[in-house]
């Protein structure tokens, strides 16, 4: 089994309104990391990013399809195994335009590397950078790393007491220096974060669920 689909171009095209066929089908995709495997679903079409020891016949047996079957909890449980780690189902958002004149300046903040948000990002993304404001008393942070589909993935944490920059200000400051599209994965129930990313020019393109066997 040799997966040929690269998910980065698929997500970038979807952000521009060019989606795969709405045919209920699915395709194998090349995993972008040796840390995680994933199911990515767009409108009526799904992509399964797994290592090459998973046979397509096994996925057919599990009922994978592009009309919701790919995200059946029983599918991911079977692929992750009884002791595997399974992440939550997230909305995929992509931003293709650059930010201009951010109101906040961010700097590397290695002192925040142990923050739960940064620690989680470090488990599922590569080449992670943790950024924050120059005010060391501020707990707001941004993570940037090579994540979903091999793209630059962003994560944001706003200071709990609300005294630091807003989520939108952190996003704008972080993406201004990034060449190329930026992707974010946000829980569907986190409406406040979803609204913030939408206001910052991100567009929803699909859904993703990660797992580690």
Protein backbone atom coordinates (compact mmCIF):
# COMPACT_ATOMS: atom_id res chain seq x y z
CA UNK A 1 0.00 0.00 0.00
CA UNK A 2 1.57 3.30 -1.08
CA UNK A 3 -0.42 6.38 -0.09
CA UNK A 4 -0.04 9.12 -2.68
CA UNK A 5 -2.30 11.92 -1.48
CA UNK A 6 -0.52 14.81 0.23
CA UNK A 7 -3.00 16.52 2.52
CA UNK A 8 -1.34 19.95 2.57
CA UNK A 9 -2.36 20.85 -0.99
CA UNK A 10 -5.84 19.38 -0.39
CA UNK A 11 -6.44 21.67 2.60
CA UNK A 12 -4.95 24.70 0.87
CA UNK A 13 -7.22 24.15 -2.13
CA UNK A 14 -10.25 23.75 0.14
CA UNK A 15 -9.43 27.04 1.81
CA UNK A 16 -9.70 28.62 -1.66
CA UNK A 17 -13.06 26.90 -2.27
CA UNK A 18 -11.75 23.97 -4.33
CA UNK A 19 -13.00 20.86 -2.56
CA UNK A 20 -12.61 17.18 -3.46
CA UNK A 21 -15.56 15.40 -5.08
CA UNK A 22 -18.63 14.89 -2.90
CA UNK A 23 -18.79 11.18 -3.66
CA UNK A 24 -18.79 9.52 -0.25
CA UNK A 25 -15.38 8.09 -1.03
CA UNK A 26 -12.11 8.06 0.86
CA UNK A 27 -8.43 7.94 0.00
CA UNK A 28 -5.24 6.97 1.73
CA UNK A 29 -3.01 9.90 2.57
CA UNK A 30 0.65 10.09 3.45
CA UNK A 31 1.20 10.50 7.20
CA UNK A 32 2.99 13.76 7.92
CA UNK A 33 4.52 12.57 11.18
CA UNK A 34 5.78 9.39 12.79
CA UNK A 35 4.05 10.52 16.00
CA UNK A 36 0.40 10.43 15.00
CA UNK A 37 -2.05 9.01 12.51
CA UNK A 38 -5.25 10.76 11.51
CA UNK A 39 -8.59 10.83 9.78
CA UNK A 40 -9.41 14.02 7.91
CA UNK A 41 -12.89 14.59 6.51
CA UNK A 42 -14.07 17.27 4.12
CA UNK A 43 -17.52 17.64 2.55
CA UNK A 44 -18.46 14.16 1.33
CA UNK A 45 -14.87 12.89 1.11
CA UNK A 46 -12.36 11.58 3.65
CA UNK A 47 -8.64 10.91 3.92
CA UNK A 48 -7.02 8.28 6.10
CA UNK A 49 -3.42 9.07 7.05
CA UNK A 50 -2.09 5.78 8.40
CA UNK A 51 1.10 3.79 8.25
CA UNK A 52 1.44 1.25 5.47
CA UNK A 53 0.69 -1.76 7.69
CA UNK A 54 -3.04 -0.91 7.54
CA UNK A 55 -4.60 -2.61 4.53
CA UNK A 56 -7.37 -0.85 2.58
CA UNK A 57 -9.49 -3.97 3.04
CA UNK A 58 -9.32 -3.42 6.80
CA UNK A 59 -10.66 0.12 6.37
CA UNK A 60 -13.48 -1.14 4.17
CA UNK A 61 -14.37 -3.71 6.82
CA UNK A 62 -14.55 -0.98 9.44
CA UNK A 63 -17.10 0.93 7.34
CA UNK A 64 -14.97 3.94 6.42
CA UNK A 65 -16.69 6.30 3.99
CA UNK A 66 -16.80 9.99 3.16
CA UNK A 67 -20.29 10.60 4.50
CA UNK A 68 -19.46 10.43 8.20
CA UNK A 69 -18.32 6.83 8.43
CA UNK A 70 -14.68 7.82 8.64
CA UNK A 71 -15.31 9.55 11.97
CA UNK A 72 -17.29 6.68 13.49
CA UNK A 73 -15.76 6.29 16.98
CA UNK A 74 -15.53 2.54 16.41
CA UNK A 75 -13.23 3.11 13.42
CA UNK A 76 -10.69 5.16 15.33
CA UNK A 77 -10.87 2.89 18.38
CA UNK A 78 -10.09 -0.10 16.17
CA UNK A 79 -7.17 1.67 14.48
CA UNK A 80 -5.72 3.07 17.72
CA UNK A 81 -6.10 -0.19 19.61
CA UNK A 82 -7.46 -0.75 23.13
CA UNK A 83 -4.58 1.13 24.77
CA UNK A 84 -4.07 3.84 22.17
CA UNK A 85 -4.44 7.58 22.73
CA UNK A 86 -7.29 9.25 20.79
CA UNK A 87 -7.59 13.01 20.46
CA UNK A 88 -10.85 14.94 20.30
CA UNK A 89 -12.60 15.66 17.02
CA UNK A 90 -11.59 19.12 15.81
CA UNK A 91 -12.61 21.60 13.13
CA UNK A 92 -9.80 22.36 10.65
CA UNK A 93 -9.35 26.05 9.85
CA UNK A 94 -6.88 27.46 7.32
CA UNK A 95 -5.61 30.98 6.74
CA UNK A 96 -3.87 31.77 3.46
CA UNK A 97 -3.36 35.54 3.73
CA UNK A 98 -0.68 37.34 5.73
CA UNK A 99 -1.43 39.59 8.68
CA UNK A 100 -0.50 43.28 8.58
CA UNK A 101 0.63 45.58 11.39
CA UNK A 102 -0.10 43.39 14.42
CA UNK A 103 -0.82 45.27 17.63
CA UNK A 104 1.28 42.88 19.77
CA UNK A 105 4.91 41.81 19.50
CA UNK A 106 5.74 38.22 20.39
CA UNK A 107 9.07 36.77 21.46
CA UNK A 108 10.32 33.25 22.21
CA UNK A 109 9.15 32.19 25.68
CA UNK A 110 10.98 29.03 26.72
CA UNK A 111 9.72 29.62 30.26
CA UNK A 112 6.24 28.69 29.02
CA UNK A 113 7.32 25.38 27.48
CA UNK A 114 5.88 23.47 30.41
CA UNK A 115 2.44 25.03 30.05
CA UNK A 116 -0.19 22.34 29.31
CA UNK A 117 -1.01 23.94 25.94
CA UNK A 118 2.65 23.92 24.92
CA UNK A 119 3.27 20.43 26.30
CA UNK A 120 0.35 19.01 24.32
CA UNK A 121 1.51 20.72 21.13
CA UNK A 122 4.97 19.27 21.62
CA UNK A 123 3.54 15.75 21.72
CA UNK A 124 1.75 15.99 18.36
CA UNK A 125 3.77 18.56 16.37
CA UNK A 126 7.38 18.93 15.31
CA UNK A 127 9.77 21.90 15.37
CA UNK A 128 7.65 23.58 18.02
CA UNK A 129 8.11 27.23 18.98
CA UNK A 130 6.49 28.77 22.04
CA UNK A 131 5.90 32.52 21.82
CA UNK A 132 4.57 35.09 24.24
CA UNK A 133 4.73 38.76 25.09
CA UNK A 134 7.77 40.51 26.52
CA UNK A 135 5.89 40.81 29.82
CA UNK A 136 7.07 37.72 31.73
CA UNK A 137 4.14 38.02 34.13
CA UNK A 138 1.73 37.40 31.25
CA UNK A 139 0.73 33.77 30.76
CA UNK A 140 -0.68 34.20 27.25
CA UNK A 141 1.11 32.07 24.69
CA UNK A 142 1.13 30.92 21.08
CA UNK A 143 2.54 27.66 19.76
CA UNK A 144 3.73 27.29 16.18
CA UNK A 145 4.99 24.03 14.77
CA UNK A 146 4.87 21.60 11.88
CA UNK A 147 1.56 19.94 12.49
CA UNK A 148 -1.54 18.88 10.59
CA UNK A 149 -0.71 17.84 7.02
CA UNK A 150 2.85 19.08 7.51
CA UNK A 151 1.59 22.67 7.57
CA UNK A 152 2.39 25.36 10.10
CA UNK A 153 -0.13 24.81 12.89
CA UNK A 154 -1.02 27.41 15.50
CA UNK A 155 -2.36 27.04 19.02
CA UNK A 156 -3.34 29.92 21.31
CA UNK A 157 -3.83 30.31 25.04
CA UNK A 158 -5.11 33.59 26.48
CA UNK A 159 -4.04 34.64 29.97
CA UNK A 160 -6.67 33.35 32.40
CA UNK A 161 -7.17 36.69 34.14
CA UNK A 162 -7.83 38.50 30.86
CA UNK A 163 -5.09 41.07 31.44
CA UNK A 164 -3.00 40.06 28.44
CA UNK A 165 -3.59 40.39 24.70
CA UNK A 166 -6.80 39.03 23.18
CA UNK A 167 -6.80 35.79 21.25
CA UNK A 168 -7.15 37.71 18.01
CA UNK A 169 -4.17 39.91 18.82
CA UNK A 170 -2.05 36.85 19.57
CA UNK A 171 -3.07 35.15 16.33
CA UNK A 172 -2.35 38.21 14.21
CA UNK A 173 1.04 38.70 15.84
CA UNK A 174 1.98 35.04 15.36
CA UNK A 175 1.00 34.57 11.71
CA UNK A 176 2.55 37.78 10.38
CA UNK A 177 5.97 36.14 10.20
CA UNK A 178 4.83 32.83 8.72
CA UNK A 179 5.41 32.14 5.04
CA UNK A 180 2.53 30.19 3.54
CA UNK A 181 -0.80 28.98 4.92
CA UNK A 182 -1.43 28.46 8.62
CA UNK A 183 -3.74 25.75 9.96
CA UNK A 184 -5.56 25.49 13.28
CA UNK A 185 -7.53 22.66 14.87
CA UNK A 186 -10.31 23.83 17.20
CA UNK A 187 -12.84 21.83 19.19
CA UNK A 188 -16.37 22.38 17.77
CA UNK A 189 -17.68 23.27 21.21
CA UNK A 190 -15.11 26.02 21.70
CA UNK A 191 -17.31 28.63 20.07
CA UNK A 192 -15.31 31.57 21.39
CA UNK A 193 -12.09 30.27 19.82
CA UNK A 194 -13.86 29.44 16.57
CA UNK A 195 -15.25 32.97 16.32
CA UNK A 196 -11.82 34.43 17.04
CA UNK A 197 -10.12 32.43 14.30
CA UNK A 198 -12.88 33.30 11.83
CA UNK A 199 -12.45 36.99 12.59
CA UNK A 200 -8.73 36.60 11.91
CA UNK A 201 -9.30 35.34 8.38
CA UNK A 202 -9.28 31.58 8.95
CA UNK A 203 -11.86 29.54 7.05
CA UNK A 204 -13.25 26.11 8.00
CA UNK A 205 -12.35 23.34 5.57
CA UNK A 206 -13.05 20.05 7.36
CA UNK A 207 -12.50 17.99 10.47
CA UNK A 208 -9.67 15.95 11.93
CA UNK A 209 -9.10 13.37 14.63
CA UNK A 210 -5.64 12.20 15.65
CA UNK A 211 -4.58 9.04 17.42
CA UNK A 212 -1.45 7.25 18.59
CA UNK A 213 -1.47 3.48 18.66
